[in-house]
Amino acid sequence: MLDPVSRVRRFNRAVTSAVGALDTSFLGRGRPLGAARVLNAIGHGRSDVAEIRDYLDLDSGLMSRLLRSLEEEGMIETAAREDDARRRVAKLTRAGRREFAAYEALSNAQADGILAQHSQAEALLAAMDLIASALTRERVTLNEMDPQSDEARYCLGEYYAELGRRFKQGFDVSLSRDPDAKDMRRPRGTFLVAMSDTLPIGCVGLKGTDHGYAEIKRLWVASAARGLRLGRRLMDATEQAARGLGITLLRLDTNSALPEAAQLYRNTGWREIPRFNDDPYPDLFFEKRL
């Protein structure tokens, strides 16, 4: 049996080979992976050069060389930002947009090919999500979003599905309080989504009420991101948002079928209290004064 380090290195070699990271002509388009990734980032709406560099985790010198090579090819144009001349922005030229589209088609085909080689595509995707979440844990961002946004609705759908699996009686969101999350918007509350690159991997809502307190609702972390302390990050960020809204008392409820949630609350200063609502699903109730 290989030791853990050898297994990790085997995985690294397999990924490097499969994605063509060492090719001088990534996906056969005449440029290496680094330049292709910069082109991809710009094509997906990133324009600030410093933000692109941080997103790709590149040093300044390499970033400058890659931008220069793409400019010389006529793929991009760079200029000073209108609101801050010290910063630069990049955009695709017409030729760059065609090249971006070509990369998108080839990358999609490559991904389809990888999935087609395995008889359990969903298991393969789950393993990929787990690894990607572990490797990018320091770059997971918490973003305030409308609870009706696509990313939020995805998280909520996954959350409801998990409750349906774990609750003996199942779960029907229409029976819960505020199923449309209309009170999880400013100025009454907020809704946060954890993003790992383009994948939503967690969420939590702060719901304003007229009862002298606000509630924390819909805390969910994707199975691939558990064990990374993301639940605590989401709770800390929600408490900070509550302070910003002038909220001094928070409450929440949960179900004993979710022992990890109850443990998180107890470990972060929440106090168990008597039932404070008529929601049919929770059987544990907590409060925290900020």
Protein backbone atom coordinates (compact mmCIF):
# COMPACT_ATOMS: atom_id res chain seq x y z
CA MET A 1 0.00 0.00 0.00
CA LEU A 2 1.37 3.40 -0.97
CA ASP A 3 1.93 5.89 1.82
CA PRO A 4 -0.29 9.04 1.86
CA VAL A 5 2.36 11.35 0.40
CA SER A 6 2.97 8.99 -2.53
CA ARG A 7 -0.75 8.84 -3.22
CA VAL A 8 -1.04 12.63 -3.24
CA ARG A 9 1.91 12.90 -5.62
CA ARG A 10 0.39 10.26 -7.91
CA PHE A 11 -2.81 12.31 -7.99
CA ASN A 12 -0.85 15.49 -8.79
CA ARG A 13 0.91 13.78 -11.70
CA ALA A 14 -2.37 12.40 -13.03
CA VAL A 15 -4.08 15.81 -13.00
CA THR A 16 -1.07 17.57 -14.51
CA SER A 17 -1.07 15.11 -17.39
CA ALA A 18 -4.85 15.00 -17.87
CA VAL A 19 -5.33 18.77 -18.13
CA GLY A 20 -2.25 19.35 -20.27
CA ALA A 21 -0.54 21.63 -17.75
CA LEU A 22 2.91 20.94 -19.24
CA ASP A 23 1.89 21.38 -22.86
CA THR A 24 3.43 24.35 -24.65
CA SER A 25 0.21 24.52 -26.69
CA PHE A 26 -2.64 24.09 -24.20
CA LEU A 27 -5.62 22.42 -25.90
CA GLY A 28 -3.81 22.89 -29.20
CA ARG A 29 -4.33 26.68 -29.34
CA GLY A 30 -0.67 27.69 -29.53
CA ARG A 31 -0.03 29.05 -26.03
CA PRO A 32 0.75 27.49 -22.61
CA LEU A 33 -1.74 27.00 -19.80
CA GLY A 34 -0.81 30.20 -17.95
CA ALA A 35 -1.69 32.50 -20.84
CA ALA A 36 -4.85 30.49 -21.52
CA ARG A 37 -5.96 30.88 -17.88
CA VAL A 38 -5.47 34.66 -18.01
CA LEU A 39 -7.49 34.82 -21.22
CA ASN A 40 -10.17 32.68 -19.58
CA ALA A 41 -10.37 34.90 -16.49
CA ILE A 42 -10.83 38.01 -18.62
CA GLY A 43 -13.40 36.26 -20.77
CA HIS A 44 -15.39 35.38 -17.67
CA GLY A 45 -15.69 39.01 -16.66
CA ARG A 46 -12.60 39.72 -14.59
CA SER A 47 -10.95 42.92 -15.76
CA ASP A 48 -8.85 44.40 -12.95
CA VAL A 49 -5.30 43.13 -13.49
CA ALA A 50 -4.47 42.94 -9.77
CA GLU A 51 -7.66 40.96 -9.11
CA ILE A 52 -6.85 38.55 -11.96
CA ARG A 53 -3.34 38.06 -10.56
CA ASP A 54 -4.74 37.29 -7.10
CA TYR A 55 -7.40 34.99 -8.52
CA LEU A 56 -4.81 32.95 -10.42
CA ASP A 57 -2.22 33.25 -7.62
CA LEU A 58 0.47 34.58 -9.97
CA ASP A 59 3.43 36.76 -9.07
CA SER A 60 3.62 40.23 -10.62
CA GLY A 61 6.45 39.41 -13.00
CA LEU A 62 4.77 36.37 -14.50
CA MET A 63 1.46 38.21 -14.76
CA SER A 64 3.13 41.04 -16.67
CA ARG A 65 4.77 38.62 -19.10
CA LEU A 66 1.52 36.77 -19.75
CA LEU A 67 -0.39 40.01 -20.36
CA ARG A 68 2.32 41.23 -22.69
CA SER A 69 2.25 38.03 -24.71
CA LEU A 70 -1.54 38.22 -25.07
CA GLU A 71 -1.33 41.87 -26.09
CA GLU A 72 1.31 41.06 -28.71
CA GLU A 73 -1.02 38.38 -30.10
CA GLY A 74 -3.84 40.91 -30.33
CA MET A 75 -5.97 38.95 -27.86
CA ILE A 76 -6.36 41.65 -25.19
CA GLU A 77 -6.04 45.38 -24.60
CA THR A 78 -4.99 46.96 -21.30
CA ALA A 79 -5.49 50.47 -19.98
CA ALA A 80 -5.53 52.43 -16.74
CA ARG A 81 -8.72 52.24 -14.69
CA GLU A 82 -10.86 55.34 -15.08
CA ASP A 83 -11.34 55.74 -11.33
CA ASP A 84 -7.75 54.88 -10.34
CA ALA A 85 -4.91 55.45 -12.79
CA ARG A 86 -2.57 53.36 -10.63
CA ARG A 87 -4.53 50.22 -11.50
CA ARG A 88 -4.87 48.55 -14.89
CA VAL A 89 -7.76 46.78 -16.53
CA ALA A 90 -7.77 44.27 -19.38
CA LYS A 91 -10.43 43.40 -21.92
CA LEU A 92 -10.66 40.98 -24.82
CA THR A 93 -10.37 42.17 -28.39
CA ARG A 94 -12.61 40.74 -31.10
CA ALA A 95 -9.93 38.12 -31.80
CA GLY A 96 -9.66 37.47 -28.06
CA ARG A 97 -13.39 36.82 -27.81
CA ARG A 98 -13.15 34.28 -30.62
CA GLU A 99 -10.22 32.61 -28.88
CA PHE A 100 -12.08 32.57 -25.57
CA ALA A 101 -15.05 30.87 -27.25
CA ALA A 102 -12.73 28.28 -28.80
CA TYR A 103 -11.18 27.52 -25.40
CA GLU A 104 -14.62 27.20 -23.82
CA ALA A 105 -15.71 24.64 -26.41
CA LEU A 106 -12.50 22.64 -26.10
CA SER A 107 -12.53 22.74 -22.29
CA ASN A 108 -16.14 21.57 -22.19
CA ALA A 109 -15.33 18.73 -24.55
CA GLN A 110 -12.33 17.75 -22.41
CA ALA A 111 -14.52 17.69 -19.29
CA ASP A 112 -17.15 15.58 -21.05
CA GLY A 113 -14.42 13.17 -22.12
CA ILE A 114 -13.10 12.76 -18.57
CA LEU A 115 -16.60 12.05 -17.24
CA ALA A 116 -17.35 9.63 -20.06
CA GLN A 117 -14.39 7.44 -19.03
CA HIS A 118 -15.96 6.59 -15.67
CA SER A 119 -19.09 4.52 -15.09
CA GLN A 120 -19.96 6.49 -11.92
CA ALA A 121 -19.86 10.10 -13.10
CA GLU A 122 -21.62 11.48 -10.02
CA ALA A 123 -19.15 9.78 -7.68
CA LEU A 124 -16.30 11.20 -9.75
CA LEU A 125 -17.79 14.70 -9.58
CA ALA A 126 -18.28 14.39 -5.82
CA ALA A 127 -14.61 13.44 -5.43
CA MET A 128 -13.59 16.42 -7.59
CA ASP A 129 -15.72 18.78 -5.49
CA LEU A 130 -14.14 17.43 -2.30
CA ILE A 131 -10.59 17.90 -3.59
CA ALA A 132 -11.26 21.33 -5.10
CA SER A 133 -12.83 22.55 -1.84
CA ALA A 134 -9.82 21.35 0.15
CA LEU A 135 -7.30 22.92 -2.23
CA THR A 136 -9.07 26.28 -2.43
CA ARG A 137 -10.24 26.65 1.19
CA GLU A 138 -8.23 29.85 1.68
CA ARG A 139 -9.89 31.43 -1.36
CA VAL A 140 -13.51 30.69 -0.48
CA THR A 141 -15.38 34.02 -0.42
CA LEU A 142 -18.54 34.93 1.47
CA ASN A 143 -20.79 37.06 -0.72
CA GLU A 144 -23.99 38.87 0.13
CA MET A 145 -26.62 37.84 -2.42
CA ASP A 146 -30.33 38.05 -3.00
CA PRO A 147 -31.93 34.86 -1.64
CA GLN A 148 -33.65 34.49 -5.03
CA SER A 149 -30.36 34.54 -6.97
CA ASP A 150 -29.35 31.40 -8.83
CA GLU A 151 -26.49 30.71 -6.40
CA ALA A 152 -28.70 31.14 -3.34
CA ARG A 153 -31.50 29.04 -4.80
CA TYR A 154 -29.01 26.26 -5.56
CA CYS A 155 -27.78 26.27 -1.94
CA LEU A 156 -31.30 26.35 -0.55
CA GLY A 157 -32.39 23.52 -2.82
CA GLU A 158 -29.47 21.38 -1.60
CA TYR A 159 -30.25 22.34 2.00
CA TYR A 160 -33.92 21.38 1.71
CA ALA A 161 -33.00 18.10 0.01
CA GLU A 162 -30.62 17.22 2.84
CA LEU A 163 -33.25 17.97 5.47
CA GLY A 164 -35.63 15.73 3.55
CA ARG A 165 -33.11 12.88 3.76
CA ARG A 166 -32.21 13.39 7.42
CA PHE A 167 -35.58 14.15 9.00
CA LYS A 168 -37.71 11.07 9.72
CA GLN A 169 -40.84 12.91 8.63
CA GLY A 170 -39.15 14.44 5.57
CA PHE A 171 -39.16 18.19 4.93
CA ASP A 172 -41.63 20.49 3.19
CA VAL A 173 -40.31 24.05 2.94
CA SER A 174 -43.83 25.44 2.52
CA LEU A 175 -44.54 24.44 6.14
CA SER A 176 -41.55 26.34 7.50
CA ARG A 177 -41.53 30.02 8.40
CA ASP A 178 -40.69 32.51 5.63
CA PRO A 179 -40.16 29.89 2.90
CA ASP A 180 -39.41 32.63 0.33
CA ALA A 181 -36.76 34.25 2.56
CA LYS A 182 -38.26 37.70 1.91
CA ASP A 183 -36.98 39.00 5.27
CA MET A 184 -33.40 37.98 4.49
CA ARG A 185 -32.70 41.18 2.57
CA ARG A 186 -31.45 44.54 3.74
CA PRO A 187 -32.44 46.54 5.68
CA ARG A 188 -34.17 43.75 7.65
CA GLY A 189 -31.55 41.06 7.15
CA THR A 190 -29.10 39.56 4.69
CA PHE A 191 -28.22 36.35 2.89
CA LEU A 192 -24.63 35.08 2.49
CA VAL A 193 -23.36 32.53 -0.02
CA ALA A 194 -19.94 30.87 0.21
CA MET A 195 -18.34 30.60 -3.22
CA SER A 196 -15.44 28.33 -4.14
CA ASP A 197 -14.50 29.82 -7.51
CA THR A 198 -17.78 29.39 -9.45
CA LEU A 199 -19.35 26.75 -7.16
CA PRO A 200 -21.69 27.73 -4.28
CA ILE A 201 -20.70 25.56 -1.31
CA GLY A 202 -22.55 27.10 1.62
CA CYS A 203 -25.11 29.64 2.74
CA VAL A 204 -26.78 31.26 5.73
CA GLY A 205 -29.56 33.79 6.18
CA LEU A 206 -30.14 36.58 8.69
CA LYS A 207 -33.89 37.12 9.00
CA GLY A 208 -35.21 40.33 10.51
CA THR A 209 -38.30 40.17 12.71
CA ASP A 210 -40.57 42.59 14.59
CA HIS A 211 -40.08 40.80 17.90
CA GLY A 212 -36.92 42.47 19.22
CA TYR A 213 -34.55 39.89 17.75
CA ALA A 214 -33.38 38.51 14.39
CA GLU A 215 -33.04 34.86 13.42
CA ILE A 216 -30.24 32.94 11.76
CA LYS A 217 -31.73 30.56 9.22
CA ARG A 218 -30.76 28.13 6.46
CA LEU A 219 -27.17 27.42 7.55
CA TRP A 220 -25.86 24.87 5.05
CA VAL A 221 -22.42 23.65 3.99
CA ALA A 222 -21.91 21.29 1.06
CA SER A 223 -20.67 17.85 2.03
CA ALA A 224 -17.52 18.45 -0.03
CA ALA A 225 -16.65 21.49 2.12
CA ARG A 226 -17.31 20.06 5.58
CA GLY A 227 -14.38 19.89 7.95
CA LEU A 228 -12.98 23.20 6.63
CA ARG A 229 -14.58 25.36 9.40
CA LEU A 230 -16.81 27.01 6.82
CA GLY A 231 -19.89 26.75 9.05
CA ARG A 232 -18.14 28.80 11.70
CA ARG A 233 -17.04 31.36 9.12
CA LEU A 234 -20.61 31.75 7.91
CA MET A 235 -21.91 32.15 11.46
CA ASP A 236 -19.22 34.71 12.36
CA ALA A 237 -19.97 36.71 9.20
CA THR A 238 -23.70 36.66 9.92
CA GLU A 239 -23.18 37.88 13.46
CA GLN A 240 -21.00 40.69 12.11
CA ALA A 241 -23.70 41.63 9.59
CA ALA A 242 -26.25 41.69 12.42
CA ARG A 243 -24.10 44.12 14.38
CA GLY A 244 -23.88 46.33 11.31
CA LEU A 245 -27.68 46.40 11.14
CA GLY A 246 -27.95 47.35 14.81
CA ILE A 247 -29.27 43.93 15.87
CA THR A 248 -28.32 42.98 19.42
CA LEU A 249 -30.20 39.71 19.97
CA LEU A 250 -30.15 36.64 17.73
CA ARG A 251 -32.13 33.43 17.87
CA LEU A 252 -32.12 30.22 15.87
CA ASP A 253 -33.69 26.81 15.83
CA THR A 254 -32.52 23.41 14.66
CA ASN A 255 -33.40 19.75 14.81
CA SER A 256 -31.69 17.08 16.90
CA ALA A 257 -31.23 15.11 13.67
CA LEU A 258 -28.50 17.68 12.89
CA PRO A 259 -26.16 17.16 15.89
CA GLU A 260 -23.21 18.86 14.19
CA ALA A 261 -25.22 22.09 13.92
CA ALA A 262 -26.21 22.01 17.59
CA GLN A 263 -22.60 21.35 18.56
CA LEU A 264 -21.42 24.33 16.50
CA TYR A 265 -23.88 26.63 18.25
CA ARG A 266 -22.97 25.40 21.71
CA ASN A 267 -19.26 25.82 20.94
CA THR A 268 -19.69 29.42 19.75
CA GLY A 269 -21.52 30.94 22.69
CA TRP A 270 -25.16 30.19 21.93
CA ARG A 271 -27.48 29.46 24.88
CA GLU A 272 -30.27 26.92 24.67
CA ILE A 273 -33.72 28.42 25.36
CA PRO A 274 -37.37 27.27 25.36
CA ARG A 275 -39.28 27.02 22.07
CA PHE A 276 -40.03 30.46 20.62
CA ASN A 277 -41.98 29.58 17.44
CA ASP A 278 -44.51 27.13 16.06
CA ASP A 279 -42.37 25.78 13.21
CA PRO A 280 -43.14 22.02 13.00
CA TYR A 281 -39.57 20.89 12.35
CA PRO A 282 -37.18 22.21 15.05
CA ASP A 283 -36.87 20.75 18.53
CA LEU A 284 -33.82 22.72 19.73
CA PHE A 285 -33.78 26.50 20.24
CA PHE A 286 -30.87 28.87 20.90
CA GLU A 287 -30.20 32.53 21.64
CA LYS A 288 -27.14 34.77 21.58
CA ARG A 289 -26.78 38.38 22.69
CA LEU A 290 -24.26 40.41 20.68
